[in-house]
Structure formats: C-alpha cells, structure tokens
Amino acid sequence: MIKDNKPLIAHICLFCACAFWGLMAPLGKDAMTHGLTGIDMVTFRVTGGAVLFWITSLFTKKEHVPAKDLLLFVGAAVLGLVTNQCCYTIGLSITSPINASIVTTSMPIFAMILAALILKEPITGKKAGGVAMGCCGAIILIVTSAASANAKVGDIRGDLLCMGAQLSFALYLSLFSGLIKRYSVFTVNKWMFTYATLLILPFSWGNVAAIDFAAVPVKTWLETGFVVFFGTYISYILMMVGQHTLRPTVVSIYNYVQPLVSVTVSILTGIGVFKLSQGLAVLLVFGGVWLVTKSKSRGDMERLKAGK
C-alpha cells in the first residue's frame, strides 16, 4: 500500500517544499523590516540548519566522509549556501518578495548555461529559445525595478542579488553534483551548513550580538523560526523525497509553485505590489524555464541515437 502511494507522497512533498519556499519570501521580508537585517537572517538560517541537520544525523545511518571530500564540502558550502544565502536573503531584504520569488525560478536557465560550458551539454534550439525568453523576462523585471521608487514593486539591487544567488546555486550543482550524489541529504547538509556557519559567523557575529532581542517583536521571531525550520530544514528533506521518486522534468514543474504562493501572500498582506510588467516577466521566465527543462540532455540524445 505504501509502495503504491509513493508517487503521491512524492508529489505532496514537492508541493509542500515549494509552498514553504514561497511563504518564506513574504514572511522573511516582513521579519527583515521589523527588527532583523538580511545578514542576521542569513546567520540564523545557516546556524539553525547546521544544528537541526546534526541532530538528525544522530538518528540516521552514519556515513564515512574522507578528508578529500570534507575539503570539497567547503567549496560546496561557499557556492551552495554562503554566496547563495547571502545574495538571496540580503537581496530579499532590499527588493519585493514578489520579484525575489520570480527570480528564483530562473535557476534551471543558469544551470543549463553552466552545464553547456562546464559539462559540455549540447545547446538545442529549445534551450537557446528558453534562455532568450528567460533573459527577456529578467530584463523586464529589472527595468521595472529600476524605474520604480516604491520598494513594494522592487529594487534593482535586490533583483540582481537574488539573480546572483541563482547563478551561485547553479554553479554549485554543476561543480559538485558528483559529491552531493555520493552521500545522503543529511550528511551533505550537515557538513555544508557547518562550514557555512564557520565562514559566515566571523563576519556576522557583530551584527547578531548588537540585536536588541527584547525589542524584536514576537511575530518577527515566529517568522524567523518558519524560515529556519520549514523554509530550510523541512523543505530540503521534502525536496529530497520528491527527487528520489519523480523524474527531474516533473520536479522542475514545481518551480512554479513558489512564485504563485509568494505573489498571492505578498498581495494579500500588502507587502508587495504586482504590476502588469511583472506579469509579463513571469510568463517569459516561466516559458523559458519550461523550454529549457523540456529539451533533451546529452544523455537523452545518446540513448536516442543508440536506439534505447
């Protein structure tokens, strides 16, 4: 019975993970306008993630990690967490949660470009068209932010930082895909979050120590708790469950859940404003991501050529 329900469970896990990430944008934005800064939120997120994954690892299968791979995890942490989290979280603190969530869906486009440059994946017509569409959407979003004097619409600095976060994560996937496939999600994240904490704390501790904890509203702490527990720890685990059962093309479809949730919550709470130009950007970015994920990889082409 459980085996029969495995695909359904995987779909539910993916939907919940992306919904949590979608909620993380407006909730994190609200927390960073009521007592916390972007660097504070990054610090709480990586240290909280490290603690939670270390605790979980005590109850999961132990995996030996040789010294060589421990060193590789440092590089993975720099790209996959430190640069990614700093750019995204600080970018979110500047721009609107709507823009931040729209930009996050562009990651497959960056991944395709880097796969072509690093892994020598072929660039098909669909991929090229997808990249062009995604770039047009990003340009519209950035131009809209640059012309706006209202932070609820967006801020070009924050948009570019959030875009840099996607580039950083795509680079992490391209360079360290072999490393992260060798170990369980708990082992990978235990070490990555630990190294990220060690790298970030020396620069952020002064900010965190200066927080007037008593003056920060309870609502802000609850929102921060959501970002750390559900938006980081639980979402990473749920995504892993979905990825182990469903095909990558199916997993990629759930990219669209995040901005839909974020836009809806941002508008309802008044944190963000959704304009027609942003709607056009959404269509172009979504269309670009769809074309990129639908096009064939080098492995697909080789199997097709071999008649398999």
C-alpha atoms as a PDB file:
ATOM      1  CA  MET A   1       0.000   0.000   0.000  1.00  0.00           C
ATOM      2  CA  ILE A   2       2.795   2.396   0.912  1.00  0.00           C
ATOM      3  CA  LYS A   3       4.652   1.459  -2.273  1.00  0.00           C
ATOM      4  CA  ASP A   4       1.561   2.244  -4.356  1.00  0.00           C
ATOM      5  CA  ASN A   5       1.270   5.658  -2.692  1.00  0.00           C
ATOM      6  CA  LYS A   6       4.950   6.519  -3.219  1.00  0.00           C
ATOM      7  CA  PRO A   7       4.378   8.800  -6.266  1.00  0.00           C
ATOM      8  CA  LEU A   8       1.513  10.588  -4.490  1.00  0.00           C
ATOM      9  CA  ILE A   9       3.651  11.116  -1.384  1.00  0.00           C
ATOM     10  CA  ALA A  10       6.480  12.445  -3.582  1.00  0.00           C
ATOM     11  CA  HIS A  11       4.132  14.953  -5.266  1.00  0.00           C
ATOM     12  CA  ILE A  12       2.808  16.121  -1.883  1.00  0.00           C
ATOM     13  CA  CYS A  13       6.379  16.524  -0.571  1.00  0.00           C
ATOM     14  CA  LEU A  14       7.448  18.598  -3.587  1.00  0.00           C
ATOM     15  CA  PHE A  15       4.357  20.793  -3.408  1.00  0.00           C
ATOM     16  CA  CYS A  16       4.858  21.423   0.324  1.00  0.00           C
ATOM     17  CA  ALA A  17       8.580  22.165  -0.100  1.00  0.00           C
ATOM     18  CA  CYS A  18       7.927  24.746  -2.827  1.00  0.00           C
ATOM     19  CA  ALA A  19       4.950  26.191  -0.929  1.00  0.00           C
ATOM     20  CA  PHE A  20       7.169  26.637   2.146  1.00  0.00           C
ATOM     21  CA  TRP A  21       9.774  28.393  -0.016  1.00  0.00           C
ATOM     22  CA  GLY A  22       7.027  30.552  -1.487  1.00  0.00           C
ATOM     23  CA  LEU A  23       5.877  31.538   2.007  1.00  0.00           C
ATOM     24  CA  MET A  24       9.455  32.133   3.093  1.00  0.00           C
ATOM     25  CA  ALA A  25       9.812  35.185   0.825  1.00  0.00           C
ATOM     26  CA  PRO A  26       6.983  37.345   2.277  1.00  0.00           C
ATOM     27  CA  LEU A  27       7.485  36.088   5.853  1.00  0.00           C
ATOM     28  CA  GLY A  28      11.250  36.602   5.688  1.00  0.00           C
ATOM     29  CA  LYS A  29      10.752  40.032   4.137  1.00  0.00           C
ATOM     30  CA  ASP A  30       8.374  41.036   6.924  1.00  0.00           C
ATOM     31  CA  ALA A  31      10.832  39.829   9.583  1.00  0.00           C
ATOM     32  CA  MET A  32      13.616  41.851   7.956  1.00  0.00           C
ATOM     33  CA  THR A  33      11.549  45.027   8.117  1.00  0.00           C
ATOM     34  CA  HIS A  34      10.651  44.567  11.799  1.00  0.00           C
ATOM     35  CA  GLY A  35      13.834  44.177  13.812  1.00  0.00           C
ATOM     36  CA  LEU A  36      16.244  41.997  11.804  1.00  0.00           C
ATOM     37  CA  THR A  37      18.648  42.668   8.939  1.00  0.00           C
ATOM     38  CA  GLY A  38      19.462  40.462   5.972  1.00  0.00           C
ATOM     39  CA  ILE A  39      22.766  39.309   7.457  1.00  0.00           C
ATOM     40  CA  ASP A  40      21.004  38.462  10.742  1.00  0.00           C
ATOM     41  CA  MET A  41      18.539  36.241   8.867  1.00  0.00           C
ATOM     42  CA  VAL A  42      21.350  34.502   6.955  1.00  0.00           C
ATOM     43  CA  THR A  43      23.167  33.789  10.233  1.00  0.00           C
ATOM     44  CA  PHE A  44      20.064  32.334  11.906  1.00  0.00           C
ATOM     45  CA  ARG A  45      19.306  30.258   8.825  1.00  0.00           C
ATOM     46  CA  VAL A  46      22.725  28.618   8.418  1.00  0.00           C
ATOM     47  CA  THR A  47      23.369  28.083  12.133  1.00  0.00           C
ATOM     48  CA  GLY A  48      19.840  26.775  12.668  1.00  0.00           C
ATOM     49  CA  GLY A  49      20.210  24.455   9.686  1.00  0.00           C
ATOM     50  CA  ALA A  50      23.557  23.166  10.993  1.00  0.00           C
ATOM     51  CA  VAL A  51      22.109  22.371  14.425  1.00  0.00           C
ATOM     52  CA  LEU A  52      18.997  20.662  13.022  1.00  0.00           C
ATOM     53  CA  PHE A  53      20.888  18.526  10.493  1.00  0.00           C
ATOM     54  CA  TRP A  54      23.495  17.500  13.081  1.00  0.00           C
ATOM     55  CA  ILE A  55      20.731  16.425  15.478  1.00  0.00           C
ATOM     56  CA  THR A  56      19.000  14.480  12.696  1.00  0.00           C
ATOM     57  CA  SER A  57      22.272  12.800  11.680  1.00  0.00           C
ATOM     58  CA  LEU A  58      22.443  11.200  15.137  1.00  0.00           C
ATOM     59  CA  PHE A  59      19.364   9.146  14.242  1.00  0.00           C
ATOM     60  CA  THR A  60      20.271   8.268  10.631  1.00  0.00           C
ATOM     61  CA  LYS A  61      22.764   5.915   9.014  1.00  0.00           C
ATOM     62  CA  LYS A  62      26.359   7.004   9.625  1.00  0.00           C
ATOM     63  CA  GLU A  63      28.443   7.705   6.513  1.00  0.00           C
ATOM     64  CA  HIS A  64      32.228   7.947   6.449  1.00  0.00           C
ATOM     65  CA  VAL A  65      33.429  11.071   4.650  1.00  0.00           C
ATOM     66  CA  PRO A  66      37.140  11.030   3.675  1.00  0.00           C
ATOM     67  CA  ALA A  67      39.278  14.137   4.212  1.00  0.00           C
ATOM     68  CA  LYS A  68      39.314  14.898   0.479  1.00  0.00           C
ATOM     69  CA  ASP A  69      35.511  15.124   0.366  1.00  0.00           C
ATOM     70  CA  LEU A  70      35.418  17.156   3.584  1.00  0.00           C
ATOM     71  CA  LEU A  71      37.552  19.745   1.794  1.00  0.00           C
ATOM     72  CA  LEU A  72      35.269  19.620  -1.240  1.00  0.00           C
ATOM     73  CA  PHE A  73      32.320  20.329   1.054  1.00  0.00           C
ATOM     74  CA  VAL A  74      33.965  23.657   1.903  1.00  0.00           C
ATOM     75  CA  GLY A  75      33.754  24.723  -1.747  1.00  0.00           C
ATOM     76  CA  ALA A  76      30.217  23.361  -1.987  1.00  0.00           C
ATOM     77  CA  ALA A  77      29.229  25.351   1.105  1.00  0.00           C
ATOM     78  CA  VAL A  78      30.699  28.565  -0.336  1.00  0.00           C
ATOM     79  CA  LEU A  79      28.627  28.324  -3.539  1.00  0.00           C
ATOM     80  CA  GLY A  80      25.582  26.370  -2.370  1.00  0.00           C
ATOM     81  CA  LEU A  81      24.991  28.175   0.921  1.00  0.00           C
ATOM     82  CA  VAL A  82      27.239  31.141   1.765  1.00  0.00           C
ATOM     83  CA  THR A  83      27.052  33.011  -1.556  1.00  0.00           C
ATOM     84  CA  ASN A  84      23.574  31.703  -2.353  1.00  0.00           C
ATOM     85  CA  GLN A  85      22.018  32.536   1.025  1.00  0.00           C
ATOM     86  CA  CYS A  86      23.779  35.887   1.439  1.00  0.00           C
ATOM     87  CA  CYS A  87      22.796  37.076  -2.039  1.00  0.00           C
ATOM     88  CA  TYR A  88      19.200  35.856  -1.798  1.00  0.00           C
ATOM     89  CA  THR A  89      18.436  36.897   1.780  1.00  0.00           C
ATOM     90  CA  ILE A  90      20.106  40.304   1.559  1.00  0.00           C
ATOM     91  CA  GLY A  91      18.515  40.789  -1.881  1.00  0.00           C
ATOM     92  CA  LEU A  92      15.108  39.920  -0.425  1.00  0.00           C
ATOM     93  CA  SER A  93      15.619  42.484   2.340  1.00  0.00           C
ATOM     94  CA  ILE A  94      16.032  45.159  -0.366  1.00  0.00           C
ATOM     95  CA  THR A  95      13.572  44.172  -3.117  1.00  0.00           C
ATOM     96  CA  SER A  96       9.977  42.917  -3.053  1.00  0.00           C
ATOM     97  CA  PRO A  97       9.218  39.272  -2.159  1.00  0.00           C
ATOM     98  CA  ILE A  98       7.357  39.023  -5.484  1.00  0.00           C
ATOM     99  CA  ASN A  99      10.457  39.883  -7.526  1.00  0.00           C
ATOM    100  CA  ALA A 100      12.663  37.652  -5.371  1.00  0.00           C
ATOM    101  CA  SER A 101      10.387  34.645  -5.894  1.00  0.00           C
ATOM    102  CA  ILE A 102      10.085  35.248  -9.650  1.00  0.00           C
ATOM    103  CA  VAL A 103      13.864  35.383  -9.997  1.00  0.00           C
ATOM    104  CA  THR A 104      14.325  32.080  -8.116  1.00  0.00           C
ATOM    105  CA  THR A 105      12.564  30.201 -10.930  1.00  0.00           C
ATOM    106  CA  SER A 106      15.385  31.177 -13.316  1.00  0.00           C
ATOM    107  CA  MET A 107      17.838  28.723 -11.733  1.00  0.00           C
ATOM    108  CA  PRO A 108      17.303  25.968 -14.399  1.00  0.00           C
ATOM    109  CA  ILE A 109      18.307  28.505 -17.062  1.00  0.00           C
ATOM    110  CA  PHE A 110      21.587  29.280 -15.298  1.00  0.00           C
ATOM    111  CA  ALA A 111      22.096  25.536 -14.752  1.00  0.00           C
ATOM    112  CA  MET A 112      21.667  24.890 -18.482  1.00  0.00           C
ATOM    113  CA  ILE A 113      24.189  27.588 -19.443  1.00  0.00           C
ATOM    114  CA  LEU A 114      26.764  26.303 -16.952  1.00  0.00           C
ATOM    115  CA  ALA A 115      26.140  22.674 -17.975  1.00  0.00           C
ATOM    116  CA  ALA A 116      26.936  23.681 -21.558  1.00  0.00           C
ATOM    117  CA  LEU A 117      30.136  25.475 -20.506  1.00  0.00           C
ATOM    118  CA  ILE A 118      31.393  23.038 -17.849  1.00  0.00           C
ATOM    119  CA  LEU A 119      29.817  19.653 -18.637  1.00  0.00           C
ATOM    120  CA  LYS A 120      29.706  20.202 -22.434  1.00  0.00           C
ATOM    121  CA  GLU A 121      25.954  19.572 -22.591  1.00  0.00           C
ATOM    122  CA  PRO A 122      24.575  20.355 -26.099  1.00  0.00           C
ATOM    123  CA  ILE A 123      22.636  23.582 -26.612  1.00  0.00           C
ATOM    124  CA  THR A 124      19.473  22.747 -28.543  1.00  0.00           C
ATOM    125  CA  GLY A 125      17.084  25.179 -30.204  1.00  0.00           C
ATOM    126  CA  LYS A 126      14.657  24.765 -27.306  1.00  0.00           C
ATOM    127  CA  LYS A 127      17.378  25.549 -24.781  1.00  0.00           C
ATOM    128  CA  ALA A 128      18.538  28.629 -26.678  1.00  0.00           C
ATOM    129  CA  GLY A 129      14.937  29.841 -27.022  1.00  0.00           C
ATOM    130  CA  GLY A 130      14.321  29.197 -23.335  1.00  0.00           C
ATOM    131  CA  VAL A 131      17.387  31.179 -22.308  1.00  0.00           C
ATOM    132  CA  ALA A 132      16.358  34.064 -24.586  1.00  0.00           C
ATOM    133  CA  MET A 133      12.823  34.118 -23.134  1.00  0.00           C
ATOM    134  CA  GLY A 134      14.107  33.929 -19.568  1.00  0.00           C
ATOM    135  CA  CYS A 135      16.576  36.757 -20.191  1.00  0.00           C
ATOM    136  CA  CYS A 136      13.809  38.948 -21.624  1.00  0.00           C
ATOM    137  CA  GLY A 137      11.720  38.293 -18.516  1.00  0.00           C
ATOM    138  CA  ALA A 138      14.631  39.138 -16.228  1.00  0.00           C
ATOM    139  CA  ILE A 139      15.344  42.348 -18.156  1.00  0.00           C
ATOM    140  CA  ILE A 140      11.697  43.450 -17.880  1.00  0.00           C
ATOM    141  CA  LEU A 141      11.762  42.737 -14.137  1.00  0.00           C
ATOM    142  CA  ILE A 142      14.985  44.686 -13.616  1.00  0.00           C
ATOM    143  CA  VAL A 143      13.862  47.644 -15.752  1.00  0.00           C
ATOM    144  CA  THR A 144      10.579  47.776 -13.804  1.00  0.00           C
ATOM    145  CA  SER A 145      12.508  47.816 -10.516  1.00  0.00           C
ATOM    146  CA  ALA A 146      14.960  50.447 -11.773  1.00  0.00           C
ATOM    147  CA  ALA A 147      12.099  52.749 -12.799  1.00  0.00           C
ATOM    148  CA  SER A 148      10.196  52.276  -9.543  1.00  0.00           C
ATOM    149  CA  ALA A 149      10.540  54.441  -6.476  1.00  0.00           C
ATOM    150  CA  ASN A 150       8.408  52.007  -4.469  1.00  0.00           C
ATOM    151  CA  ALA A 151      10.189  49.117  -2.714  1.00  0.00           C
ATOM    152  CA  LYS A 152       6.937  47.135  -2.840  1.00  0.00           C
ATOM    153  CA  VAL A 153       7.352  46.952  -6.624  1.00  0.00           C
ATOM    154  CA  GLY A 154      11.048  46.081  -6.469  1.00  0.00           C
ATOM    155  CA  ASP A 155      14.607  47.318  -6.248  1.00  0.00           C
ATOM    156  CA  ILE A 156      17.206  46.661  -8.954  1.00  0.00           C
ATOM    157  CA  ARG A 157      19.930  45.976  -6.361  1.00  0.00           C
ATOM    158  CA  GLY A 158      17.853  43.299  -4.673  1.00  0.00           C
ATOM    159  CA  ASP A 159      16.790  41.769  -8.002  1.00  0.00           C
ATOM    160  CA  LEU A 160      20.418  41.451  -9.121  1.00  0.00           C
ATOM    161  CA  LEU A 161      21.466  39.946  -5.781  1.00  0.00           C
ATOM    162  CA  CYS A 162      18.658  37.359  -5.976  1.00  0.00           C
ATOM    163  CA  MET A 163      19.727  36.580  -9.535  1.00  0.00           C
ATOM    164  CA  GLY A 164      23.308  36.164  -8.332  1.00  0.00           C
ATOM    165  CA  ALA A 165      22.027  33.649  -5.770  1.00  0.00           C
ATOM    166  CA  GLN A 166      20.546  31.511  -8.564  1.00  0.00           C
ATOM    167  CA  LEU A 167      23.802  31.681 -10.542  1.00  0.00           C
ATOM    168  CA  SER A 168      25.753  30.642  -7.448  1.00  0.00           C
ATOM    169  CA  PHE A 169      23.475  27.659  -6.772  1.00  0.00           C
ATOM    170  CA  ALA A 170      23.552  26.573 -10.419  1.00  0.00           C
ATOM    171  CA  LEU A 171      27.366  26.698 -10.320  1.00  0.00           C
ATOM    172  CA  TYR A 172      27.295  24.618  -7.128  1.00  0.00           C
ATOM    173  CA  LEU A 173      25.154  21.958  -8.859  1.00  0.00           C
ATOM    174  CA  SER A 174      27.431  21.893 -11.922  1.00  0.00           C
ATOM    175  CA  LEU A 175      30.695  21.597  -9.984  1.00  0.00           C
ATOM    176  CA  PHE A 176      29.638  19.431  -7.044  1.00  0.00           C
ATOM    177  CA  SER A 177      26.863  17.202  -8.446  1.00  0.00           C
ATOM    178  CA  GLY A 178      29.098  14.124  -8.092  1.00  0.00           C
ATOM    179  CA  LEU A 179      29.897  14.952  -4.471  1.00  0.00           C
ATOM    180  CA  ILE A 180      26.310  15.516  -3.360  1.00  0.00           C
ATOM    181  CA  LYS A 181      25.146  12.295  -5.065  1.00  0.00           C
ATOM    182  CA  ARG A 182      27.646  10.215  -3.079  1.00  0.00           C
ATOM    183  CA  TYR A 183      26.043  10.961   0.283  1.00  0.00           C
ATOM    184  CA  SER A 184      22.625  11.261   1.861  1.00  0.00           C
ATOM    185  CA  VAL A 185      20.938  14.649   2.147  1.00  0.00           C
ATOM    186  CA  PHE A 186      21.614  14.631   5.898  1.00  0.00           C
ATOM    187  CA  THR A 187      25.358  14.069   5.504  1.00  0.00           C
ATOM    188  CA  VAL A 188      25.636  16.639   2.713  1.00  0.00           C
ATOM    189  CA  ASN A 189      23.713  19.331   4.566  1.00  0.00           C
ATOM    190  CA  LYS A 190      25.283  18.564   7.941  1.00  0.00           C
ATOM    191  CA  TRP A 191      28.731  19.412   6.596  1.00  0.00           C
ATOM    192  CA  MET A 192      27.676  22.177   4.232  1.00  0.00           C
ATOM    193  CA  PHE A 193      25.696  24.064   6.900  1.00  0.00           C
ATOM    194  CA  THR A 194      28.526  23.573   9.398  1.00  0.00           C
ATOM    195  CA  TYR A 195      31.115  25.071   7.048  1.00  0.00           C
ATOM    196  CA  ALA A 196      28.699  27.858   6.059  1.00  0.00           C
ATOM    197  CA  THR A 197      28.250  28.745   9.734  1.00  0.00           C
ATOM    198  CA  LEU A 198      32.014  28.823  10.321  1.00  0.00           C
ATOM    199  CA  LEU A 199      32.510  31.039   7.260  1.00  0.00           C
ATOM    200  CA  ILE A 200      29.665  33.475   7.978  1.00  0.00           C
ATOM    201  CA  LEU A 201      29.821  33.884  11.784  1.00  0.00           C
ATOM    202  CA  PRO A 202      33.152  35.798  11.920  1.00  0.00           C
ATOM    203  CA  PHE A 203      31.628  38.494   9.697  1.00  0.00           C
ATOM    204  CA  SER A 204      28.070  38.498  11.052  1.00  0.00           C
ATOM    205  CA  TRP A 205      28.563  37.956  14.779  1.00  0.00           C
ATOM    206  CA  GLY A 206      28.922  41.692  15.481  1.00  0.00           C
ATOM    207  CA  ASN A 207      25.544  42.350  13.849  1.00  0.00           C
ATOM    208  CA  VAL A 208      23.814  39.493  15.658  1.00  0.00           C
ATOM    209  CA  ALA A 209      25.342  40.451  19.040  1.00  0.00           C
ATOM    210  CA  ALA A 210      24.078  44.014  18.569  1.00  0.00           C
ATOM    211  CA  ILE A 211      20.435  42.899  18.189  1.00  0.00           C
ATOM    212  CA  ASP A 212      18.167  44.176  20.951  1.00  0.00           C
ATOM    213  CA  PHE A 213      16.455  40.795  21.352  1.00  0.00           C
ATOM    214  CA  ALA A 214      13.871  42.107  23.820  1.00  0.00           C
ATOM    215  CA  ALA A 215      12.786  44.829  21.384  1.00  0.00           C
ATOM    216  CA  VAL A 216      12.235  42.450  18.454  1.00  0.00           C
ATOM    217  CA  PRO A 217       8.505  41.584  18.143  1.00  0.00           C
ATOM    218  CA  VAL A 218       7.361  38.022  18.832  1.00  0.00           C
ATOM    219  CA  LYS A 219       5.905  37.926  15.309  1.00  0.00           C
ATOM    220  CA  THR A 220       9.388  38.522  13.865  1.00  0.00           C
ATOM    221  CA  TRP A 221      10.825  35.593  15.844  1.00  0.00           C
ATOM    222  CA  LEU A 222       7.980  33.341  14.690  1.00  0.00           C
ATOM    223  CA  GLU A 223       8.631  34.344  11.067  1.00  0.00           C
ATOM    224  CA  THR A 224      12.360  33.694  11.530  1.00  0.00           C
ATOM    225  CA  GLY A 225      11.554  30.303  13.043  1.00  0.00           C
ATOM    226  CA  PHE A 226       9.469  29.460   9.969  1.00  0.00           C
ATOM    227  CA  VAL A 227      12.335  30.450   7.645  1.00  0.00           C
ATOM    228  CA  VAL A 228      14.835  28.286   9.573  1.00  0.00           C
ATOM    229  CA  PHE A 229      12.678  25.229  10.287  1.00  0.00           C
ATOM    230  CA  PHE A 230      10.202  24.986   7.407  1.00  0.00           C
ATOM    231  CA  GLY A 231      11.914  27.130   4.749  1.00  0.00           C
ATOM    232  CA  THR A 232      15.290  25.449   5.233  1.00  0.00           C
ATOM    233  CA  TYR A 233      15.350  22.173   7.180  1.00  0.00           C
ATOM    234  CA  ILE A 234      11.955  20.635   6.315  1.00  0.00           C
ATOM    235  CA  SER A 235      11.951  21.871   2.700  1.00  0.00           C
ATOM    236  CA  TYR A 236      15.362  20.329   1.974  1.00  0.00           C
ATOM    237  CA  ILE A 237      14.153  16.958   3.287  1.00  0.00           C
ATOM    238  CA  LEU A 238      10.822  17.094   1.419  1.00  0.00           C
ATOM    239  CA  MET A 239      12.581  18.007  -1.833  1.00  0.00           C
ATOM    240  CA  MET A 240      14.903  15.023  -1.383  1.00  0.00           C
ATOM    241  CA  VAL A 241      11.930  12.654  -1.015  1.00  0.00           C
ATOM    242  CA  GLY A 242      10.350  14.014  -4.182  1.00  0.00           C
ATOM    243  CA  GLN A 243      13.577  13.898  -6.199  1.00  0.00           C
ATOM    244  CA  HIS A 244      14.196  10.256  -5.288  1.00  0.00           C
ATOM    245  CA  THR A 245      10.834   9.182  -6.743  1.00  0.00           C
ATOM    246  CA  LEU A 246       9.915  11.542  -9.584  1.00  0.00           C
ATOM    247  CA  ARG A 247      11.704  12.408 -12.836  1.00  0.00           C
ATOM    248  CA  PRO A 248      13.698  15.699 -12.950  1.00  0.00           C
ATOM    249  CA  THR A 249      11.289  17.133 -15.543  1.00  0.00           C
ATOM    250  CA  VAL A 250       8.385  16.530 -13.161  1.00  0.00           C
ATOM    251  CA  VAL A 251      10.327  18.009 -10.241  1.00  0.00           C
ATOM    252  CA  SER A 252      11.085  21.132 -12.286  1.00  0.00           C
ATOM    253  CA  ILE A 253       7.379  21.820 -12.786  1.00  0.00           C
ATOM    254  CA  TYR A 254       7.099  22.569  -9.076  1.00  0.00           C
ATOM    255  CA  ASN A 255       9.388  25.600  -9.615  1.00  0.00           C
ATOM    256  CA  TYR A 256       6.210  27.459 -10.493  1.00  0.00           C
ATOM    257  CA  VAL A 257       4.543  26.852  -7.117  1.00  0.00           C
ATOM    258  CA  GLN A 258       6.971  29.107  -5.240  1.00  0.00           C
ATOM    259  CA  PRO A 259       6.212  32.428  -7.003  1.00  0.00           C
ATOM    260  CA  LEU A 260       2.482  31.696  -7.137  1.00  0.00           C
ATOM    261  CA  VAL A 261       2.374  31.290  -3.348  1.00  0.00           C
ATOM    262  CA  SER A 262       4.691  34.246  -2.763  1.00  0.00           C
ATOM    263  CA  VAL A 263       2.776  36.603  -5.071  1.00  0.00           C
ATOM    264  CA  THR A 264      -0.586  35.655  -3.547  1.00  0.00           C
ATOM    265  CA  VAL A 265       0.559  36.092   0.073  1.00  0.00           C
ATOM    266  CA  SER A 266       2.509  39.301  -0.702  1.00  0.00           C
ATOM    267  CA  ILE A 267      -0.518  40.949  -2.343  1.00  0.00           C
ATOM    268  CA  LEU A 268      -2.947  39.819   0.377  1.00  0.00           C
ATOM    269  CA  THR A 269      -0.673  41.137   3.144  1.00  0.00           C
ATOM    270  CA  GLY A 270       0.263  44.339   1.296  1.00  0.00           C
ATOM    271  CA  ILE A 271       3.999  43.567   1.379  1.00  0.00           C
ATOM    272  CA  GLY A 272       4.270  43.615  -2.419  1.00  0.00           C
ATOM    273  CA  VAL A 273       2.533  45.112  -5.445  1.00  0.00           C
ATOM    274  CA  PHE A 274       2.001  43.089  -8.613  1.00  0.00           C
ATOM    275  CA  LYS A 275       2.094  45.068 -11.853  1.00  0.00           C
ATOM    276  CA  LEU A 276       1.340  44.143 -15.469  1.00  0.00           C
ATOM    277  CA  SER A 277       5.046  44.288 -16.369  1.00  0.00           C
ATOM    278  CA  GLN A 278       5.796  41.744 -13.631  1.00  0.00           C
ATOM    279  CA  GLY A 279       3.073  39.511 -15.062  1.00  0.00           C
ATOM    280  CA  LEU A 280       4.771  39.634 -18.466  1.00  0.00           C
ATOM    281  CA  ALA A 281       8.121  38.874 -16.822  1.00  0.00           C
ATOM    282  CA  VAL A 282       6.556  35.857 -15.080  1.00  0.00           C
ATOM    283  CA  LEU A 283       5.236  34.483 -18.380  1.00  0.00           C
ATOM    284  CA  LEU A 284       8.590  34.912 -20.106  1.00  0.00           C
ATOM    285  CA  VAL A 285      10.634  33.393 -17.255  1.00  0.00           C
ATOM    286  CA  PHE A 286       8.186  30.501 -16.811  1.00  0.00           C
ATOM    287  CA  GLY A 287       8.155  29.892 -20.567  1.00  0.00           C
ATOM    288  CA  GLY A 288      11.945  29.974 -20.701  1.00  0.00           C
ATOM    289  CA  VAL A 289      12.301  27.518 -17.814  1.00  0.00           C
ATOM    290  CA  TRP A 290       9.724  25.206 -19.418  1.00  0.00           C
ATOM    291  CA  LEU A 291      11.626  25.142 -22.723  1.00  0.00           C
ATOM    292  CA  VAL A 292      14.957  24.509 -21.001  1.00  0.00           C
ATOM    293  CA  THR A 293      13.621  21.643 -18.871  1.00  0.00           C
ATOM    294  CA  LYS A 294      11.759  20.074 -21.822  1.00  0.00           C
ATOM    295  CA  SER A 295      14.818  19.961 -24.087  1.00  0.00           C
ATOM    296  CA  LYS A 296      16.950  16.822 -24.222  1.00  0.00           C
ATOM    297  CA  SER A 297      20.188  16.396 -22.301  1.00  0.00           C
ATOM    298  CA  ARG A 298      23.343  14.828 -23.744  1.00  0.00           C
ATOM    299  CA  GLY A 299      22.411  11.524 -22.073  1.00  0.00           C
ATOM    300  CA  ASP A 300      18.940  11.609 -23.649  1.00  0.00           C
ATOM    301  CA  MET A 301      20.448  12.255 -27.094  1.00  0.00           C
ATOM    302  CA  GLU A 302      22.972   9.418 -26.721  1.00  0.00           C
ATOM    303  CA  ARG A 303      20.250   6.960 -25.687  1.00  0.00           C
ATOM    304  CA  LEU A 304      18.055   8.110 -28.581  1.00  0.00           C
ATOM    305  CA  LYS A 305      20.938   7.703 -31.037  1.00  0.00           C
ATOM    306  CA  ALA A 306      21.652   4.214 -29.695  1.00  0.00           C
ATOM    307  CA  GLY A 307      18.003   3.326 -30.165  1.00  0.00           C
ATOM    308  CA  LYS A 308      17.414   2.671 -26.482  1.00  0.00           C
END
